[in-house]
N, C-alpha and C. Protein backbone atom coordinates (compact mmCIF):
# COMPACT_ATOMS: atom_id res chain seq x y z
N MET A 1 -1.24 28.53 1.01
CA MET A 1 -1.62 27.93 -0.08
C MET A 1 -3.09 28.45 -0.30
N THR A 2 -3.52 28.68 -1.64
CA THR A 2 -4.80 29.23 -1.83
C THR A 2 -5.80 28.01 -2.04
N LYS A 3 -7.17 28.25 -1.94
CA LYS A 3 -8.06 27.14 -2.14
C LYS A 3 -7.93 26.59 -3.43
N LYS A 4 -7.70 27.36 -4.56
CA LYS A 4 -7.69 26.83 -5.94
C LYS A 4 -6.41 25.91 -6.05
N PHE A 5 -5.28 26.33 -5.36
CA PHE A 5 -4.12 25.42 -5.42
C PHE A 5 -4.35 24.25 -4.67
N SER A 6 -5.07 24.24 -3.63
CA SER A 6 -5.43 23.00 -2.82
C SER A 6 -6.26 21.93 -3.69
N ILE A 7 -7.19 22.57 -4.30
CA ILE A 7 -8.00 21.65 -5.11
C ILE A 7 -7.25 21.05 -6.24
N LEU A 8 -6.49 21.97 -6.87
CA LEU A 8 -5.67 21.40 -7.97
C LEU A 8 -4.62 20.34 -7.50
N SER A 9 -4.12 20.57 -6.31
CA SER A 9 -3.07 19.50 -5.79
C SER A 9 -3.99 18.11 -5.60
N PHE A 10 -5.02 18.33 -4.88
CA PHE A 10 -5.86 17.15 -4.66
C PHE A 10 -6.28 16.50 -5.97
N LYS A 11 -6.81 17.29 -6.93
CA LYS A 11 -7.01 16.63 -8.21
C LYS A 11 -5.93 15.78 -8.92
N LEU A 12 -4.81 16.42 -8.88
CA LEU A 12 -3.57 15.84 -9.42
C LEU A 12 -3.28 14.55 -8.68
N ALA A 13 -3.29 14.54 -7.31
CA ALA A 13 -3.04 13.47 -6.60
C ALA A 13 -3.89 12.22 -6.92
N LEU A 14 -5.22 12.68 -7.05
CA LEU A 14 -6.27 11.56 -7.34
C LEU A 14 -5.87 11.03 -8.72
N GLU A 15 -5.57 11.90 -9.58
CA GLU A 15 -5.20 11.39 -11.17
C GLU A 15 -4.02 10.52 -10.89
N GLY A 16 -3.03 10.80 -10.09
CA GLY A 16 -1.98 9.87 -9.93
C GLY A 16 -2.36 8.46 -9.36
N PHE A 17 -3.22 8.64 -8.34
CA PHE A 17 -3.71 7.27 -7.76
C PHE A 17 -4.54 6.47 -8.68
N ILE A 18 -5.29 7.11 -9.69
CA ILE A 18 -6.05 6.41 -10.48
C ILE A 18 -5.20 5.76 -11.66
N ALA A 19 -4.20 6.57 -12.02
CA ALA A 19 -3.26 6.09 -13.05
C ALA A 19 -2.48 4.91 -12.52
N ALA A 20 -2.02 4.95 -11.35
CA ALA A 20 -1.35 3.80 -10.62
C ALA A 20 -2.34 2.64 -10.61
N LEU A 21 -3.46 2.78 -10.22
CA LEU A 21 -4.51 1.77 -10.11
C LEU A 21 -4.70 1.08 -11.44
N LYS A 22 -4.74 1.80 -12.48
CA LYS A 22 -4.84 1.37 -13.93
C LYS A 22 -3.66 0.56 -14.29
N GLU A 23 -2.48 0.90 -13.95
CA GLU A 23 -1.15 0.31 -14.39
C GLU A 23 -0.54 -0.69 -13.57
N GLU A 24 -0.79 -0.75 -12.29
CA GLU A 24 -0.07 -1.63 -11.38
C GLU A 24 -0.97 -2.52 -10.81
N PRO A 25 -0.93 -3.85 -11.13
CA PRO A 25 -1.71 -4.82 -10.64
C PRO A 25 -1.45 -5.12 -9.16
N ASN A 26 -0.14 -4.93 -8.55
CA ASN A 26 0.11 -5.08 -7.31
C ASN A 26 -0.67 -4.02 -6.31
N LEU A 27 -0.96 -2.89 -6.94
CA LEU A 27 -1.82 -2.05 -6.13
C LEU A 27 -3.29 -2.41 -5.89
N LYS A 28 -3.67 -2.98 -7.02
CA LYS A 28 -5.10 -3.60 -7.00
C LYS A 28 -4.99 -4.73 -6.00
N PHE A 29 -3.98 -5.63 -5.81
CA PHE A 29 -3.96 -6.67 -4.93
C PHE A 29 -4.01 -6.13 -3.55
N HIS A 30 -3.10 -5.03 -3.18
CA HIS A 30 -3.09 -4.41 -1.83
C HIS A 30 -4.39 -3.81 -1.52
N LEU A 31 -5.10 -3.27 -2.51
CA LEU A 31 -6.41 -2.57 -2.15
C LEU A 31 -7.42 -3.63 -1.82
N LEU A 32 -7.39 -4.84 -2.49
CA LEU A 32 -8.35 -5.88 -2.34
C LEU A 32 -8.05 -6.47 -0.99
N ALA A 33 -6.73 -6.61 -0.65
CA ALA A 33 -6.44 -7.20 0.71
C ALA A 33 -6.87 -6.38 1.83
N GLY A 34 -6.57 -4.94 1.58
CA GLY A 34 -7.18 -4.04 2.59
C GLY A 34 -8.64 -4.01 2.69
N LEU A 35 -9.41 -4.23 1.85
CA LEU A 35 -10.88 -4.36 1.72
C LEU A 35 -11.09 -5.62 2.59
N ILE A 36 -10.46 -6.70 2.31
CA ILE A 36 -10.74 -7.97 3.02
C ILE A 36 -10.54 -7.72 4.57
N VAL A 37 -9.43 -7.08 4.82
CA VAL A 37 -9.00 -6.84 6.30
C VAL A 37 -10.20 -5.95 6.96
N VAL A 38 -10.57 -4.90 6.16
CA VAL A 38 -11.69 -3.97 6.71
C VAL A 38 -12.92 -5.00 7.01
N LEU A 39 -13.32 -5.66 6.01
CA LEU A 39 -14.60 -6.45 6.28
C LEU A 39 -14.39 -7.50 7.57
N ALA A 40 -13.21 -8.10 7.54
CA ALA A 40 -12.87 -9.03 8.65
C ALA A 40 -13.05 -8.24 10.01
N ALA A 41 -12.49 -7.02 10.07
CA ALA A 41 -12.37 -6.12 11.21
C ALA A 41 -13.93 -5.95 11.70
N PHE A 42 -14.79 -5.56 10.70
CA PHE A 42 -16.21 -5.50 11.04
C PHE A 42 -16.76 -6.72 11.38
N TYR A 43 -16.54 -7.80 10.80
CA TYR A 43 -17.16 -9.07 11.19
C TYR A 43 -16.71 -9.54 12.73
N PHE A 44 -15.55 -9.35 12.94
CA PHE A 44 -15.00 -9.77 14.16
C PHE A 44 -15.01 -8.76 15.38
N LYS A 45 -15.61 -7.60 14.89
CA LYS A 45 -15.83 -6.44 15.87
C LYS A 45 -14.41 -6.08 16.72
N VAL A 46 -13.52 -5.90 15.93
CA VAL A 46 -12.14 -5.68 16.61
C VAL A 46 -12.28 -4.46 17.35
N SER A 47 -11.28 -4.23 18.44
CA SER A 47 -11.24 -3.02 19.35
C SER A 47 -10.83 -1.73 18.42
N LYS A 48 -11.12 -0.57 19.10
CA LYS A 48 -10.74 0.74 18.45
C LYS A 48 -9.22 0.81 18.27
N ASN A 49 -8.52 0.28 19.06
CA ASN A 49 -7.08 0.38 19.06
C ASN A 49 -6.57 -0.56 17.79
N ASP A 50 -7.17 -1.90 17.70
CA ASP A 50 -6.84 -2.65 16.54
C ASP A 50 -7.36 -1.98 15.30
N TRP A 51 -8.46 -1.33 15.31
CA TRP A 51 -8.89 -0.51 14.06
C TRP A 51 -7.74 0.52 13.74
N ILE A 52 -7.20 1.16 14.56
CA ILE A 52 -6.32 2.25 14.41
C ILE A 52 -4.99 1.49 13.70
N PHE A 53 -4.58 0.45 14.31
CA PHE A 53 -3.40 -0.24 13.60
C PHE A 53 -3.68 -0.72 12.25
N LEU A 54 -4.87 -1.31 12.08
CA LEU A 54 -5.24 -1.87 10.81
C LEU A 54 -5.29 -0.84 9.75
N ILE A 55 -5.94 0.41 10.06
CA ILE A 55 -5.95 1.46 9.01
C ILE A 55 -4.61 2.13 8.76
N ILE A 56 -3.78 2.21 9.83
CA ILE A 56 -2.43 2.61 9.53
C ILE A 56 -1.72 1.59 8.65
N LEU A 57 -1.84 0.27 8.97
CA LEU A 57 -1.11 -0.76 8.14
C LEU A 57 -1.41 -0.68 6.63
N ILE A 58 -2.84 -0.75 6.51
CA ILE A 58 -3.44 -0.52 5.08
C ILE A 58 -2.84 0.59 4.45
N GLY A 59 -2.88 1.85 5.06
CA GLY A 59 -2.48 3.07 4.44
C GLY A 59 -0.84 2.98 4.12
N PHE A 60 -0.11 2.24 5.04
CA PHE A 60 1.29 2.19 4.95
C PHE A 60 1.68 1.34 3.76
N VAL A 61 0.98 0.15 3.54
CA VAL A 61 1.42 -0.70 2.43
C VAL A 61 0.84 0.00 1.14
N ILE A 62 -0.20 0.53 1.00
CA ILE A 62 -0.58 1.23 -0.22
C ILE A 62 0.22 2.52 -0.46
N SER A 63 0.60 3.18 0.46
CA SER A 63 1.62 4.34 0.28
C SER A 63 2.87 3.79 -0.19
N ILE A 64 3.43 2.71 0.22
CA ILE A 64 4.83 2.16 -0.13
C ILE A 64 4.81 1.64 -1.58
N GLU A 65 3.53 1.07 -1.76
CA GLU A 65 3.24 0.55 -3.20
C GLU A 65 3.24 1.65 -4.22
N LEU A 66 2.53 2.79 -3.91
CA LEU A 66 2.44 3.85 -4.84
C LEU A 66 3.85 4.43 -5.02
N THR A 67 4.55 4.56 -4.10
CA THR A 67 5.95 5.08 -4.09
C THR A 67 6.82 4.16 -4.93
N ASN A 68 6.68 2.88 -4.84
CA ASN A 68 7.27 1.87 -5.65
C ASN A 68 7.10 2.10 -7.18
N THR A 69 5.58 2.32 -7.39
CA THR A 69 5.27 2.52 -8.89
C THR A 69 5.92 3.75 -9.29
N ALA A 70 5.95 4.83 -8.46
CA ALA A 70 6.59 6.18 -8.92
C ALA A 70 7.96 5.89 -9.26
N ILE A 71 8.51 5.16 -8.39
CA ILE A 71 10.02 5.08 -8.59
C ILE A 71 10.33 4.36 -9.86
N GLU A 72 9.52 3.10 -10.04
CA GLU A 72 9.63 2.50 -11.41
C GLU A 72 9.47 3.33 -12.44
N ALA A 73 8.45 4.14 -12.46
CA ALA A 73 8.03 4.86 -13.64
C ALA A 73 9.25 5.85 -13.98
N VAL A 74 9.87 6.62 -12.94
CA VAL A 74 10.93 7.52 -13.12
C VAL A 74 12.21 6.63 -13.78
N VAL A 75 12.36 5.63 -13.04
CA VAL A 75 13.59 4.70 -13.72
C VAL A 75 13.40 4.27 -15.08
N ASP A 76 12.33 3.81 -15.37
CA ASP A 76 11.88 3.49 -16.73
C ASP A 76 11.98 4.61 -17.71
N ALA A 77 11.55 5.70 -17.27
CA ALA A 77 11.51 6.96 -18.14
C ALA A 77 12.93 7.51 -18.42
N PHE A 78 13.88 7.39 -17.56
CA PHE A 78 15.05 8.05 -17.73
C PHE A 78 16.46 7.17 -17.64
N THR A 79 16.20 5.82 -17.58
CA THR A 79 17.40 4.93 -17.67
C THR A 79 17.06 3.82 -18.70
N ASP A 80 18.12 3.08 -18.93
CA ASP A 80 18.10 1.88 -19.77
C ASP A 80 17.74 0.84 -18.71
N LYS A 81 16.64 -0.10 -19.13
CA LYS A 81 16.43 -1.13 -18.20
C LYS A 81 17.48 -2.07 -17.87
N GLU A 82 18.44 -2.17 -18.64
CA GLU A 82 19.67 -2.94 -18.49
C GLU A 82 20.69 -2.39 -17.56
N HIS A 83 20.43 -1.15 -17.19
CA HIS A 83 21.59 -0.51 -16.33
C HIS A 83 21.34 -1.13 -15.00
N PRO A 84 22.58 -1.57 -14.35
CA PRO A 84 22.47 -2.13 -13.02
C PRO A 84 22.06 -1.27 -11.96
N GLY A 85 22.22 0.13 -12.09
CA GLY A 85 21.66 1.08 -11.00
C GLY A 85 20.04 1.22 -11.22
N ALA A 86 19.62 0.93 -12.39
CA ALA A 86 18.16 1.06 -12.56
C ALA A 86 17.50 -0.20 -11.96
N LYS A 87 18.10 -1.35 -12.19
CA LYS A 87 17.78 -2.59 -11.57
C LYS A 87 17.80 -2.51 -9.99
N LEU A 88 18.89 -2.05 -9.51
CA LEU A 88 18.94 -1.97 -8.05
C LEU A 88 17.94 -1.03 -7.45
N ALA A 89 17.66 0.13 -8.15
CA ALA A 89 16.71 1.02 -7.54
C ALA A 89 15.36 0.46 -7.57
N LYS A 90 15.00 -0.27 -8.67
CA LYS A 90 13.73 -0.97 -8.74
C LYS A 90 13.57 -2.09 -7.76
N ASP A 91 14.57 -2.90 -7.66
CA ASP A 91 14.70 -4.02 -6.66
C ASP A 91 14.52 -3.54 -5.19
N ILE A 92 15.25 -2.59 -4.89
CA ILE A 92 15.06 -2.08 -3.56
C ILE A 92 13.70 -1.40 -3.31
N SER A 93 13.24 -0.66 -4.23
CA SER A 93 11.88 -0.18 -4.05
C SER A 93 10.75 -1.29 -3.93
N ALA A 94 11.03 -2.42 -4.67
CA ALA A 94 10.05 -3.55 -4.40
C ALA A 94 10.36 -4.21 -3.09
N GLY A 95 11.50 -4.27 -2.60
CA GLY A 95 11.83 -4.81 -1.33
C GLY A 95 11.18 -3.92 -0.18
N ALA A 96 11.01 -2.67 -0.45
CA ALA A 96 10.20 -1.99 0.60
C ALA A 96 8.84 -2.16 0.72
N VAL A 97 8.27 -2.48 -0.50
CA VAL A 97 6.92 -2.98 -0.48
C VAL A 97 6.82 -4.48 0.35
N LEU A 98 7.77 -5.28 0.01
CA LEU A 98 7.79 -6.59 0.62
C LEU A 98 7.88 -6.46 2.15
N VAL A 99 8.67 -5.58 2.46
CA VAL A 99 8.91 -5.35 4.06
C VAL A 99 7.61 -4.82 4.72
N ALA A 100 6.91 -3.84 3.89
CA ALA A 100 5.70 -3.24 4.45
C ALA A 100 4.59 -4.30 4.41
N ALA A 101 4.37 -5.04 3.41
CA ALA A 101 3.32 -6.01 3.34
C ALA A 101 3.54 -7.27 4.31
N VAL A 102 4.88 -7.74 4.69
CA VAL A 102 5.17 -8.78 5.59
C VAL A 102 4.80 -8.09 6.89
N THR A 103 5.24 -7.00 7.21
CA THR A 103 4.89 -6.34 8.46
C THR A 103 3.43 -6.35 8.65
N ALA A 104 2.75 -5.82 7.76
CA ALA A 104 1.24 -5.80 7.84
C ALA A 104 0.54 -7.12 7.99
N ALA A 105 1.10 -8.19 7.24
CA ALA A 105 0.47 -9.56 7.56
C ALA A 105 0.74 -10.05 8.92
N VAL A 106 1.98 -9.79 9.34
CA VAL A 106 2.28 -10.29 10.77
C VAL A 106 1.45 -9.64 11.72
N LEU A 107 1.33 -8.36 11.67
CA LEU A 107 0.49 -7.68 12.63
C LEU A 107 -0.88 -7.92 12.52
N GLY A 108 -1.31 -8.07 11.20
CA GLY A 108 -2.71 -8.65 10.96
C GLY A 108 -2.99 -10.06 11.60
N ILE A 109 -2.14 -10.94 11.49
CA ILE A 109 -2.37 -12.24 12.22
C ILE A 109 -2.36 -12.02 13.62
N ILE A 110 -1.42 -11.30 14.29
CA ILE A 110 -1.51 -11.03 15.66
C ILE A 110 -2.89 -10.37 16.16
N ILE A 111 -3.47 -9.56 15.32
CA ILE A 111 -4.92 -9.00 15.73
C ILE A 111 -5.92 -9.98 15.43
N PHE A 112 -5.95 -10.74 14.43
CA PHE A 112 -7.00 -11.62 14.09
C PHE A 112 -6.86 -13.04 14.75
N LEU A 113 -5.76 -13.40 15.06
CA LEU A 113 -5.73 -14.76 15.54
C LEU A 113 -6.50 -15.07 16.78
N PRO A 114 -6.73 -14.19 17.78
CA PRO A 114 -7.64 -14.52 18.80
C PRO A 114 -9.10 -14.70 18.57
N PHE A 115 -9.44 -14.10 17.30
CA PHE A 115 -10.94 -14.34 16.92
C PHE A 115 -11.14 -15.68 16.21
N ILE A 116 -10.13 -16.42 15.82
CA ILE A 116 -10.21 -17.70 15.15
C ILE A 116 -10.58 -18.75 16.37
N PRO A 117 -11.65 -19.38 16.29
CA PRO A 117 -12.18 -20.40 17.33
C PRO A 117 -11.16 -21.44 17.69
N TRP A 118 -10.40 -22.00 16.52
CA TRP A 118 -9.42 -23.10 17.00
C TRP A 118 -8.16 -22.84 17.39
N THR A 119 -7.97 -21.37 17.61
CA THR A 119 -6.72 -20.87 18.18
C THR A 119 -6.89 -20.22 19.59
N ALA A 120 -7.99 -20.08 20.10
CA ALA A 120 -8.19 -19.49 21.22
C ALA A 120 -8.03 -20.53 22.39
């Protein structure tokens, strides 16, 4: 892979991310949630291992949300919105985001709960 190709690939990926950010309110929500988690991690001075888990979880949820957004865009571009297969694809994709977000929330609770005084 040439340097020019690498730069172009990065540019296109960044354009895709920005387009998703402009079009998808749920992506904004997940980014805000990720920012809140990062701020909480700094505030509570979580361990290095907890940082690793939190960063992986934030990236996981955002990646799944981006994938969901891409799947929805393709389905909308090439199928009738009333088509049962189109609905199924979009629902399953949204379900993947739900699983990722719930997983991240549960693990986040496990990480942060010991820092809350009334739970210790």
